[in-house]
């Protein structure tokens, strides 16, 4: 068994959909953001073992601050508004190794 993580970065997009009218990531564009991130990571040839994995997640219990995405192993939480924010997270955090302070929650 290896001590090396399978992925350098594991990115989870909350996709939770609530029925009772409370804020949820699903209603704030999470599906489109996750699909954009997954495509962009593949286009940059950053996907796969030892690289980046973009995943969907159930409720991460921070929907009121959302939409939310969390990146491991760092445990950095972000919110976002649009694809430009997702690109900033990819370019600055996943590629450049720097936290995007303006999106951090």
PDB file of N, CA and C in Angstrom:
ATOM      1  N   UNK A   1       0.839  -1.174   0.000  1.00  0.00           N
ATOM      2  CA  UNK A   1       0.000   0.000   0.000  1.00  0.00           C
ATOM      3  C   UNK A   1       0.886   1.241   0.000  1.00  0.00           C
ATOM      4  N   UNK A   2       0.547   2.195  -0.837  1.00  0.00           N
ATOM      5  CA  UNK A   2       1.337   3.409  -0.996  1.00  0.00           C
ATOM      6  C   UNK A   2       0.822   4.524  -0.094  1.00  0.00           C
ATOM      7  N   UNK A   3       1.757   5.359   0.390  1.00  0.00           N
ATOM      8  CA  UNK A   3       1.379   6.549   1.153  1.00  0.00           C
ATOM      9  C   UNK A   3       1.102   7.723   0.232  1.00  0.00           C
ATOM     10  N   UNK A   4       1.370   7.559  -1.062  1.00  0.00           N
ATOM     11  CA  UNK A   4       1.127   8.615  -2.034  1.00  0.00           C
ATOM     12  C   UNK A   4      -0.365   8.657  -2.372  1.00  0.00           C
ATOM     13  N   UNK A   5      -0.973   9.845  -2.277  1.00  0.00           N
ATOM     14  CA  UNK A   5      -2.402   9.939  -2.622  1.00  0.00           C
ATOM     15  C   UNK A   5      -2.650   9.538  -4.078  1.00  0.00           C
ATOM     16  N   UNK A   6      -3.795   8.917  -4.316  1.00  0.00           N
ATOM     17  CA  UNK A   6      -4.141   8.499  -5.672  1.00  0.00           C
ATOM     18  C   UNK A   6      -4.292   9.706  -6.588  1.00  0.00           C
ATOM     19  N   UNK A   7      -4.861  10.799  -6.057  1.00  0.00           N
ATOM     20  CA  UNK A   7      -4.991  12.050  -6.804  1.00  0.00           C
ATOM     21  C   UNK A   7      -4.228  13.138  -6.066  1.00  0.00           C
ATOM     22  N   UNK A   8      -3.609  14.027  -6.805  1.00  0.00           N
ATOM     23  CA  UNK A   8      -2.955  15.182  -6.194  1.00  0.00           C
ATOM     24  C   UNK A   8      -4.011  16.100  -5.590  1.00  0.00           C
ATOM     25  N   UNK A   9      -5.099  16.310  -6.327  1.00  0.00           N
ATOM     26  CA  UNK A   9      -6.223  17.114  -5.855  1.00  0.00           C
ATOM     27  C   UNK A   9      -7.517  16.361  -6.154  1.00  0.00           C
ATOM     28  N   UNK A  10      -8.390  16.298  -5.162  1.00  0.00           N
ATOM     29  CA  UNK A  10      -9.702  15.682  -5.326  1.00  0.00           C
ATOM     30  C   UNK A  10     -10.718  16.790  -5.057  1.00  0.00           C
ATOM     31  N   UNK A  11     -11.520  17.116  -6.069  1.00  0.00           N
ATOM     32  CA  UNK A  11     -12.409  18.274  -6.037  1.00  0.00           C
ATOM     33  C   UNK A  11     -13.855  17.800  -6.004  1.00  0.00           C
ATOM     34  N   UNK A  12     -14.587  18.238  -4.987  1.00  0.00           N
ATOM     35  CA  UNK A  12     -15.979  17.837  -4.821  1.00  0.00           C
ATOM     36  C   UNK A  12     -16.897  19.038  -4.986  1.00  0.00           C
ATOM     37  N   UNK A  13     -17.827  18.931  -5.917  1.00  0.00           N
ATOM     38  CA  UNK A  13     -18.868  19.936  -6.122  1.00  0.00           C
ATOM     39  C   UNK A  13     -20.138  19.447  -5.453  1.00  0.00           C
ATOM     40  N   UNK A  14     -20.657  20.223  -4.515  1.00  0.00           N
ATOM     41  CA  UNK A  14     -21.939  19.882  -3.904  1.00  0.00           C
ATOM     42  C   UNK A  14     -23.025  19.991  -4.973  1.00  0.00           C
ATOM     43  N   UNK A  15     -23.817  18.942  -5.107  1.00  0.00           N
ATOM     44  CA  UNK A  15     -24.887  18.901  -6.098  1.00  0.00           C
ATOM     45  C   UNK A  15     -26.245  18.780  -5.418  1.00  0.00           C
ATOM     46  N   UNK A  16     -26.270  19.034  -4.111  1.00  0.00           N
ATOM     47  CA  UNK A  16     -27.478  18.807  -3.332  1.00  0.00           C
ATOM     48  C   UNK A  16     -28.675  19.600  -3.848  1.00  0.00           C
ATOM     49  N   UNK A  17     -29.820  18.917  -3.866  1.00  0.00           N
ATOM     50  CA  UNK A  17     -31.080  19.546  -4.233  1.00  0.00           C
ATOM     51  C   UNK A  17     -32.050  19.353  -3.084  1.00  0.00           C
ATOM     52  N   UNK A  18     -32.504  20.462  -2.526  1.00  0.00           N
ATOM     53  CA  UNK A  18     -33.440  20.411  -1.407  1.00  0.00           C
ATOM     54  C   UNK A  18     -34.846  20.678  -1.923  1.00  0.00           C
ATOM     55  N   UNK A  19     -35.798  19.979  -1.359  1.00  0.00           N
ATOM     56  CA  UNK A  19     -37.190  20.112  -1.785  1.00  0.00           C
ATOM     57  C   UNK A  19     -37.960  21.153  -0.987  1.00  0.00           C
ATOM     58  N   UNK A  20     -37.482  21.465   0.195  1.00  0.00           N
ATOM     59  CA  UNK A  20     -38.274  22.306   1.088  1.00  0.00           C
ATOM     60  C   UNK A  20     -38.070  23.806   0.887  1.00  0.00           C
ATOM     61  N   UNK A  21     -37.393  24.195  -0.180  1.00  0.00           N
ATOM     62  CA  UNK A  21     -37.233  25.608  -0.488  1.00  0.00           C
ATOM     63  C   UNK A  21     -36.017  26.275   0.126  1.00  0.00           C
ATOM     64  N   UNK A  22     -35.250  25.564   0.928  1.00  0.00           N
ATOM     65  CA  UNK A  22     -34.019  26.120   1.494  1.00  0.00           C
ATOM     66  C   UNK A  22     -32.973  26.253   0.395  1.00  0.00           C
ATOM     67  N   UNK A  23     -31.997  27.140   0.582  1.00  0.00           N
ATOM     68  CA  UNK A  23     -30.940  27.277  -0.435  1.00  0.00           C
ATOM     69  C   UNK A  23     -30.241  25.940  -0.687  1.00  0.00           C
ATOM     70  N   UNK A  24     -29.919  25.695  -1.952  1.00  0.00           N
ATOM     71  CA  UNK A  24     -29.169  24.486  -2.285  1.00  0.00           C
ATOM     72  C   UNK A  24     -28.268  24.753  -3.481  1.00  0.00           C
ATOM     73  N   UNK A  25     -27.187  24.027  -3.533  1.00  0.00           N
ATOM     74  CA  UNK A  25     -26.196  24.214  -4.588  1.00  0.00           C
ATOM     75  C   UNK A  25     -26.762  23.876  -5.965  1.00  0.00           C
ATOM     76  N   UNK A  26     -27.619  22.872  -6.022  1.00  0.00           N
ATOM     77  CA  UNK A  26     -28.222  22.469  -7.294  1.00  0.00           C
ATOM     78  C   UNK A  26     -28.909  23.645  -7.981  1.00  0.00           C
ATOM     79  N   UNK A  27     -29.626  24.452  -7.206  1.00  0.00           N
ATOM     80  CA  UNK A  27     -30.384  25.567  -7.770  1.00  0.00           C
ATOM     81  C   UNK A  27     -29.511  26.774  -8.102  1.00  0.00           C
ATOM     82  N   UNK A  28     -28.228  26.676  -7.797  1.00  0.00           N
ATOM     83  CA  UNK A  28     -27.301  27.790  -8.044  1.00  0.00           C
ATOM     84  C   UNK A  28     -26.247  27.441  -9.093  1.00  0.00           C
ATOM     85  N   UNK A  29     -26.559  26.505  -9.963  1.00  0.00           N
ATOM     86  CA  UNK A  29     -25.675  26.215 -11.094  1.00  0.00           C
ATOM     87  C   UNK A  29     -24.578  25.209 -10.856  1.00  0.00           C
ATOM     88  N   UNK A  30     -24.726  24.365  -9.830  1.00  0.00           N
ATOM     89  CA  UNK A  30     -23.671  23.400  -9.505  1.00  0.00           C
ATOM     90  C   UNK A  30     -23.404  22.411 -10.634  1.00  0.00           C
ATOM     91  N   UNK A  31     -24.457  21.939 -11.283  1.00  0.00           N
ATOM     92  CA  UNK A  31     -24.287  20.950 -12.354  1.00  0.00           C
ATOM     93  C   UNK A  31     -23.436  21.526 -13.489  1.00  0.00           C
ATOM     94  N   UNK A  32     -23.766  22.719 -13.916  1.00  0.00           N
ATOM     95  CA  UNK A  32     -23.028  23.353 -15.012  1.00  0.00           C
ATOM     96  C   UNK A  32     -21.585  23.646 -14.605  1.00  0.00           C
ATOM     97  N   UNK A  33     -21.384  24.078 -13.355  1.00  0.00           N
ATOM     98  CA  UNK A  33     -20.038  24.379 -12.878  1.00  0.00           C
ATOM     99  C   UNK A  33     -19.179  23.120 -12.817  1.00  0.00           C
ATOM    100  N   UNK A  34     -19.747  22.033 -12.318  1.00  0.00           N
ATOM    101  CA  UNK A  34     -19.004  20.766 -12.227  1.00  0.00           C
ATOM    102  C   UNK A  34     -18.651  20.246 -13.607  1.00  0.00           C
ATOM    103  N   UNK A  35     -19.596  20.314 -14.529  1.00  0.00           N
ATOM    104  CA  UNK A  35     -19.332  19.852 -15.899  1.00  0.00           C
ATOM    105  C   UNK A  35     -18.259  20.714 -16.565  1.00  0.00           C
ATOM    106  N   UNK A  36     -18.303  22.022 -16.340  1.00  0.00           N
ATOM    107  CA  UNK A  36     -17.289  22.924 -16.889  1.00  0.00           C
ATOM    108  C   UNK A  36     -15.909  22.573 -16.327  1.00  0.00           C
ATOM    109  N   UNK A  37     -15.833  22.382 -15.014  1.00  0.00           N
ATOM    110  CA  UNK A  37     -14.550  22.052 -14.387  1.00  0.00           C
ATOM    111  C   UNK A  37     -14.000  20.727 -14.918  1.00  0.00           C
ATOM    112  N   UNK A  38     -14.854  19.736 -15.031  1.00  0.00           N
ATOM    113  CA  UNK A  38     -14.416  18.420 -15.518  1.00  0.00           C
ATOM    114  C   UNK A  38     -13.869  18.515 -16.944  1.00  0.00           C
ATOM    115  N   UNK A  39     -14.575  19.236 -17.801  1.00  0.00           N
ATOM    116  CA  UNK A  39     -14.121  19.406 -19.185  1.00  0.00           C
ATOM    117  C   UNK A  39     -12.813  20.187 -19.237  1.00  0.00           C
ATOM    118  N   UNK A  40     -12.729  21.242 -18.466  1.00  0.00           N
ATOM    119  CA  UNK A  40     -11.521  22.077 -18.480  1.00  0.00           C
ATOM    120  C   UNK A  40     -10.304  21.302 -17.985  1.00  0.00           C
ATOM    121  N   UNK A  41     -10.470  20.510 -16.938  1.00  0.00           N
ATOM    122  CA  UNK A  41      -9.366  19.696 -16.416  1.00  0.00           C
ATOM    123  C   UNK A  41      -8.927  18.678 -17.467  1.00  0.00           C
ATOM    124  N   UNK A  42      -9.877  18.066 -18.162  1.00  0.00           N
ATOM    125  CA  UNK A  42      -9.526  17.118 -19.236  1.00  0.00           C
ATOM    126  C   UNK A  42      -8.824  17.835 -20.378  1.00  0.00           C
ATOM    127  N   UNK A  43      -9.319  19.016 -20.767  1.00  0.00           N
ATOM    128  CA  UNK A  43      -8.687  19.788 -21.844  1.00  0.00           C
ATOM    129  C   UNK A  43      -7.257  20.180 -21.499  1.00  0.00           C
ATOM    130  N   UNK A  44      -7.010  20.442 -20.217  1.00  0.00           N
ATOM    131  CA  UNK A  44      -5.663  20.808 -19.764  1.00  0.00           C
ATOM    132  C   UNK A  44      -4.782  19.580 -19.525  1.00  0.00           C
ATOM    133  N   UNK A  45      -5.355  18.400 -19.755  1.00  0.00           N
ATOM    134  CA  UNK A  45      -4.665  17.127 -19.548  1.00  0.00           C
ATOM    135  C   UNK A  45      -4.176  16.969 -18.098  1.00  0.00           C
ATOM    136  N   UNK A  46      -5.054  17.376 -17.188  1.00  0.00           N
ATOM    137  CA  UNK A  46      -4.748  17.299 -15.761  1.00  0.00           C
ATOM    138  C   UNK A  46      -5.555  16.235 -15.041  1.00  0.00           C
ATOM    139  N   UNK A  47      -6.313  15.423 -15.787  1.00  0.00           N
ATOM    140  CA  UNK A  47      -7.150  14.418 -15.130  1.00  0.00           C
ATOM    141  C   UNK A  47      -6.432  13.080 -15.072  1.00  0.00           C
ATOM    142  N   UNK A  48      -6.799  12.296 -14.069  1.00  0.00           N
ATOM    143  CA  UNK A  48      -6.270  10.949 -13.955  1.00  0.00           C
ATOM    144  C   UNK A  48      -5.424  10.759 -12.713  1.00  0.00           C
ATOM    145  N   UNK A  49      -4.945   9.550 -12.548  1.00  0.00           N
ATOM    146  CA  UNK A  49      -4.152   9.177 -11.377  1.00  0.00           C
ATOM    147  C   UNK A  49      -2.956  10.099 -11.216  1.00  0.00           C
ATOM    148  N   UNK A  50      -2.750  10.558  -9.993  1.00  0.00           N
ATOM    149  CA  UNK A  50      -1.641  11.446  -9.692  1.00  0.00           C
ATOM    150  C   UNK A  50      -1.897  12.894 -10.062  1.00  0.00           C
ATOM    151  N   UNK A  51      -3.089  13.163 -10.590  1.00  0.00           N
ATOM    152  CA  UNK A  51      -3.410  14.509 -11.036  1.00  0.00           C
ATOM    153  C   UNK A  51      -4.668  14.998 -10.322  1.00  0.00           C
ATOM    154  N   UNK A  52      -5.690  15.391 -11.081  1.00  0.00           N
ATOM    155  CA  UNK A  52      -6.894  15.994 -10.514  1.00  0.00           C
ATOM    156  C   UNK A  52      -8.112  15.142 -10.834  1.00  0.00           C
ATOM    157  N   UNK A  53      -8.993  15.010  -9.859  1.00  0.00           N
ATOM    158  CA  UNK A  53     -10.269  14.324 -10.053  1.00  0.00           C
ATOM    159  C   UNK A  53     -11.384  15.286  -9.681  1.00  0.00           C
ATOM    160  N   UNK A  54     -12.307  15.507 -10.617  1.00  0.00           N
ATOM    161  CA  UNK A  54     -13.483  16.347 -10.381  1.00  0.00           C
ATOM    162  C   UNK A  54     -14.663  15.430 -10.110  1.00  0.00           C
ATOM    163  N   UNK A  55     -15.294  15.580  -8.945  1.00  0.00           N
ATOM    164  CA  UNK A  55     -16.401  14.718  -8.560  1.00  0.00           C
ATOM    165  C   UNK A  55     -17.647  15.508  -8.184  1.00  0.00           C
ATOM    166  N   UNK A  56     -18.777  14.825  -8.289  1.00  0.00           N
ATOM    167  CA  UNK A  56     -20.049  15.323  -7.758  1.00  0.00           C
ATOM    168  C   UNK A  56     -20.137  14.834  -6.315  1.00  0.00           C
ATOM    169  N   UNK A  57     -20.797  15.618  -5.503  1.00  0.00           N
ATOM    170  CA  UNK A  57     -20.978  15.233  -4.115  1.00  0.00           C
ATOM    171  C   UNK A  57     -22.428  15.444  -3.720  1.00  0.00           C
ATOM    172  N   UNK A  58     -22.856  14.663  -2.751  1.00  0.00           N
ATOM    173  CA  UNK A  58     -24.122  14.938  -2.101  1.00  0.00           C
ATOM    174  C   UNK A  58     -23.936  16.158  -1.215  1.00  0.00           C
ATOM    175  N   UNK A  59     -24.848  16.378  -0.331  1.00  0.00           N
ATOM    176  CA  UNK A  59     -24.825  17.568   0.508  1.00  0.00           C
ATOM    177  C   UNK A  59     -23.531  17.653   1.314  1.00  0.00           C
ATOM    178  N   UNK A  60     -22.890  18.816   1.221  1.00  0.00           N
ATOM    179  CA  UNK A  60     -21.698  19.095   2.013  1.00  0.00           C
ATOM    180  C   UNK A  60     -22.033  19.973   3.218  1.00  0.00           C
ATOM    181  N   UNK A  61     -23.331  20.243   3.414  1.00  0.00           N
ATOM    182  CA  UNK A  61     -23.871  20.941   4.572  1.00  0.00           C
ATOM    183  C   UNK A  61     -23.393  22.388   4.709  1.00  0.00           C
ATOM    184  N   UNK A  62     -23.113  23.030   3.562  1.00  0.00           N
ATOM    185  CA  UNK A  62     -22.756  24.452   3.574  1.00  0.00           C
ATOM    186  C   UNK A  62     -23.515  25.190   2.471  1.00  0.00           C
ATOM    187  N   UNK A  63     -24.682  24.677   2.118  1.00  0.00           N
ATOM    188  CA  UNK A  63     -25.441  25.229   0.993  1.00  0.00           C
ATOM    189  C   UNK A  63     -25.790  26.708   1.181  1.00  0.00           C
ATOM    190  N   UNK A  64     -25.970  27.138   2.433  1.00  0.00           N
ATOM    191  CA  UNK A  64     -26.296  28.538   2.674  1.00  0.00           C
ATOM    192  C   UNK A  64     -25.149  29.459   2.238  1.00  0.00           C
ATOM    193  N   UNK A  65     -23.938  28.921   2.160  1.00  0.00           N
ATOM    194  CA  UNK A  65     -22.773  29.683   1.730  1.00  0.00           C
ATOM    195  C   UNK A  65     -22.467  29.447   0.257  1.00  0.00           C
ATOM    196  N   UNK A  66     -23.312  28.712  -0.409  1.00  0.00           N
ATOM    197  CA  UNK A  66     -23.023  28.153  -1.700  1.00  0.00           C
ATOM    198  C   UNK A  66     -23.420  28.962  -2.896  1.00  0.00           C
ATOM    199  N   UNK A  67     -23.165  28.337  -4.009  1.00  0.00           N
ATOM    200  CA  UNK A  67     -22.767  26.952  -4.188  1.00  0.00           C
ATOM    201  C   UNK A  67     -21.345  26.745  -3.680  1.00  0.00           C
ATOM    202  N   UNK A  68     -21.049  25.503  -3.306  1.00  0.00           N
ATOM    203  CA  UNK A  68     -19.742  25.220  -2.716  1.00  0.00           C
ATOM    204  C   UNK A  68     -19.006  24.102  -3.440  1.00  0.00           C
ATOM    205  N   UNK A  69     -17.687  24.223  -3.359  1.00  0.00           N
ATOM    206  CA  UNK A  69     -16.762  23.206  -3.848  1.00  0.00           C
ATOM    207  C   UNK A  69     -15.660  23.099  -2.799  1.00  0.00           C
ATOM    208  N   UNK A  70     -15.185  21.882  -2.554  1.00  0.00           N
ATOM    209  CA  UNK A  70     -14.092  21.681  -1.607  1.00  0.00           C
ATOM    210  C   UNK A  70     -12.992  20.879  -2.302  1.00  0.00           C
ATOM    211  N   UNK A  71     -11.758  21.276  -2.036  1.00  0.00           N
ATOM    212  CA  UNK A  71     -10.596  20.642  -2.662  1.00  0.00           C
ATOM    213  C   UNK A  71      -9.768  19.967  -1.582  1.00  0.00           C
ATOM    214  N   UNK A  72      -9.509  18.677  -1.788  1.00  0.00           N
ATOM    215  CA  UNK A  72      -8.652  17.899  -0.900  1.00  0.00           C
ATOM    216  C   UNK A  72      -7.390  17.496  -1.645  1.00  0.00           C
ATOM    217  N   UNK A  73      -6.251  17.349  -0.980  1.00  0.00           N
ATOM    218  CA  UNK A  73      -6.136  17.121   0.455  1.00  0.00           C
ATOM    219  C   UNK A  73      -6.103  18.390   1.315  1.00  0.00           C
ATOM    220  N   UNK A  74      -6.092  19.552   0.705  1.00  0.00           N
ATOM    221  CA  UNK A  74      -5.967  20.782   1.477  1.00  0.00           C
ATOM    222  C   UNK A  74      -7.183  21.070   2.356  1.00  0.00           C
ATOM    223  N   UNK A  75      -8.368  20.661   1.908  1.00  0.00           N
ATOM    224  CA  UNK A  75      -9.587  20.974   2.638  1.00  0.00           C
ATOM    225  C   UNK A  75      -9.995  22.427   2.455  1.00  0.00           C
ATOM    226  N   UNK A  76      -9.712  22.973   1.277  1.00  0.00           N
ATOM    227  CA  UNK A  76     -10.046  24.365   0.978  1.00  0.00           C
ATOM    228  C   UNK A  76     -11.450  24.436   0.402  1.00  0.00           C
ATOM    229  N   UNK A  77     -12.285  25.284   1.002  1.00  0.00           N
ATOM    230  CA  UNK A  77     -13.673  25.470   0.593  1.00  0.00           C
ATOM    231  C   UNK A  77     -13.802  26.759  -0.201  1.00  0.00           C
ATOM    232  N   UNK A  78     -14.535  26.666  -1.315  1.00  0.00           N
ATOM    233  CA  UNK A  78     -14.801  27.826  -2.154  1.00  0.00           C
ATOM    234  C   UNK A  78     -16.290  27.925  -2.459  1.00  0.00           C
ATOM    235  N   UNK A  79     -16.698  29.147  -2.767  1.00  0.00           N
ATOM    236  CA  UNK A  79     -17.968  29.391  -3.408  1.00  0.00           C
ATOM    237  C   UNK A  79     -17.657  29.983  -4.778  1.00  0.00           C
ATOM    238  N   UNK A  80     -18.640  30.063  -5.632  1.00  0.00           N
ATOM    239  CA  UNK A  80     -18.430  30.581  -6.979  1.00  0.00           C
ATOM    240  C   UNK A  80     -19.731  31.125  -7.513  1.00  0.00           C
ATOM    241  N   UNK A  81     -19.611  31.974  -8.540  1.00  0.00           N
ATOM    242  CA  UNK A  81     -20.788  32.556  -9.172  1.00  0.00           C
ATOM    243  C   UNK A  81     -20.948  32.037 -10.593  1.00  0.00           C
ATOM    244  N   UNK A  82     -19.817  31.916 -11.305  1.00  0.00           N
ATOM    245  CA  UNK A  82     -19.894  31.567 -12.725  1.00  0.00           C
ATOM    246  C   UNK A  82     -18.652  30.789 -13.164  1.00  0.00           C
ATOM    247  N   UNK A  83     -18.572  30.528 -14.462  1.00  0.00           N
ATOM    248  CA  UNK A  83     -17.452  29.752 -15.014  1.00  0.00           C
ATOM    249  C   UNK A  83     -16.117  30.465 -14.842  1.00  0.00           C
ATOM    250  N   UNK A  84     -16.140  31.795 -14.804  1.00  0.00           N
ATOM    251  CA  UNK A  84     -14.894  32.539 -14.593  1.00  0.00           C
ATOM    252  C   UNK A  84     -14.307  32.238 -13.213  1.00  0.00           C
ATOM    253  N   UNK A  85     -15.185  32.113 -12.218  1.00  0.00           N
ATOM    254  CA  UNK A  85     -14.724  31.750 -10.876  1.00  0.00           C
ATOM    255  C   UNK A  85     -14.148  30.336 -10.873  1.00  0.00           C
ATOM    256  N   UNK A  86     -14.800  29.422 -11.558  1.00  0.00           N
ATOM    257  CA  UNK A  86     -14.296  28.045 -11.645  1.00  0.00           C
ATOM    258  C   UNK A  86     -12.928  28.049 -12.326  1.00  0.00           C
ATOM    259  N   UNK A  87     -12.782  28.823 -13.401  1.00  0.00           N
ATOM    260  CA  UNK A  87     -11.487  28.922 -14.082  1.00  0.00           C
ATOM    261  C   UNK A  87     -10.416  29.476 -13.155  1.00  0.00           C
ATOM    262  N   UNK A  88     -10.767  30.460 -12.329  1.00  0.00           N
ATOM    263  CA  UNK A  88      -9.805  31.010 -11.370  1.00  0.00           C
ATOM    264  C   UNK A  88      -9.372  29.951 -10.361  1.00  0.00           C
ATOM    265  N   UNK A  89     -10.315  29.145  -9.886  1.00  0.00           N
ATOM    266  CA  UNK A  89      -9.987  28.072  -8.949  1.00  0.00           C
ATOM    267  C   UNK A  89      -9.045  27.063  -9.622  1.00  0.00           C
ATOM    268  N   UNK A  90      -9.345  26.702 -10.857  1.00  0.00           N
ATOM    269  CA  UNK A  90      -8.493  25.757 -11.585  1.00  0.00           C
ATOM    270  C   UNK A  90      -7.107  26.358 -11.810  1.00  0.00           C
ATOM    271  N   UNK A  91      -7.078  27.572 -12.373  1.00  0.00           N
ATOM    272  CA  UNK A  91      -5.794  28.178 -12.740  1.00  0.00           C
ATOM    273  C   UNK A  91      -4.929  28.513 -11.528  1.00  0.00           C
ATOM    274  N   UNK A  92      -5.541  29.114 -10.526  1.00  0.00           N
ATOM    275  CA  UNK A  92      -4.753  29.572  -9.386  1.00  0.00           C
ATOM    276  C   UNK A  92      -4.488  28.477  -8.362  1.00  0.00           C
ATOM    277  N   UNK A  93      -5.516  27.683  -8.016  1.00  0.00           N
ATOM    278  CA  UNK A  93      -5.343  26.682  -6.970  1.00  0.00           C
ATOM    279  C   UNK A  93      -4.785  25.368  -7.521  1.00  0.00           C
ATOM    280  N   UNK A  94      -5.495  24.786  -8.480  1.00  0.00           N
ATOM    281  CA  UNK A  94      -5.103  23.455  -8.951  1.00  0.00           C
ATOM    282  C   UNK A  94      -3.827  23.475  -9.775  1.00  0.00           C
ATOM    283  N   UNK A  95      -3.645  24.512 -10.574  1.00  0.00           N
ATOM    284  CA  UNK A  95      -2.425  24.607 -11.404  1.00  0.00           C
ATOM    285  C   UNK A  95      -1.325  25.372 -10.663  1.00  0.00           C
ATOM    286  N   UNK A  96      -1.686  26.526 -10.099  1.00  0.00           N
ATOM    287  CA  UNK A  96      -0.685  27.406  -9.505  1.00  0.00           C
ATOM    288  C   UNK A  96      -0.370  27.177  -8.041  1.00  0.00           C
ATOM    289  N   UNK A  97      -1.204  26.393  -7.343  1.00  0.00           N
ATOM    290  CA  UNK A  97      -0.934  26.104  -5.944  1.00  0.00           C
ATOM    291  C   UNK A  97      -1.251  27.237  -4.979  1.00  0.00           C
ATOM    292  N   UNK A  98      -2.031  28.219  -5.425  1.00  0.00           N
ATOM    293  CA  UNK A  98      -2.370  29.367  -4.585  1.00  0.00           C
ATOM    294  C   UNK A  98      -3.868  29.383  -4.295  1.00  0.00           C
ATOM    295  N   UNK A  99      -4.220  29.650  -3.055  1.00  0.00           N
ATOM    296  CA  UNK A  99      -5.629  29.765  -2.663  1.00  0.00           C
ATOM    297  C   UNK A  99      -6.221  31.015  -3.304  1.00  0.00           C
ATOM    298  N   UNK A 100      -7.426  30.898  -3.809  1.00  0.00           N
ATOM    299  CA  UNK A 100      -8.151  32.036  -4.386  1.00  0.00           C
ATOM    300  C   UNK A 100      -8.918  32.690  -3.237  1.00  0.00           C
ATOM    301  N   UNK A 101      -8.285  33.648  -2.609  1.00  0.00           N
ATOM    302  CA  UNK A 101      -8.820  34.246  -1.380  1.00  0.00           C
ATOM    303  C   UNK A 101     -10.216  34.830  -1.573  1.00  0.00           C
ATOM    304  N   UNK A 102     -10.477  35.462  -2.716  1.00  0.00           N
ATOM    305  CA  UNK A 102     -11.758  36.114  -2.916  1.00  0.00           C
ATOM    306  C   UNK A 102     -12.934  35.142  -2.980  1.00  0.00           C
ATOM    307  N   UNK A 103     -12.663  33.863  -3.229  1.00  0.00           N
ATOM    308  CA  UNK A 103     -13.728  32.850  -3.325  1.00  0.00           C
ATOM    309  C   UNK A 103     -13.753  31.906  -2.127  1.00  0.00           C
ATOM    310  N   UNK A 104     -12.794  32.014  -1.253  1.00  0.00           N
ATOM    311  CA  UNK A 104     -12.675  31.102  -0.120  1.00  0.00           C
ATOM    312  C   UNK A 104     -13.781  31.356   0.906  1.00  0.00           C
ATOM    313  N   UNK A 105     -14.324  30.264   1.444  1.00  0.00           N
ATOM    314  CA  UNK A 105     -15.300  30.380   2.536  1.00  0.00           C
ATOM    315  C   UNK A 105     -14.782  29.641   3.749  1.00  0.00           C
TER     316      UNK A 105
END
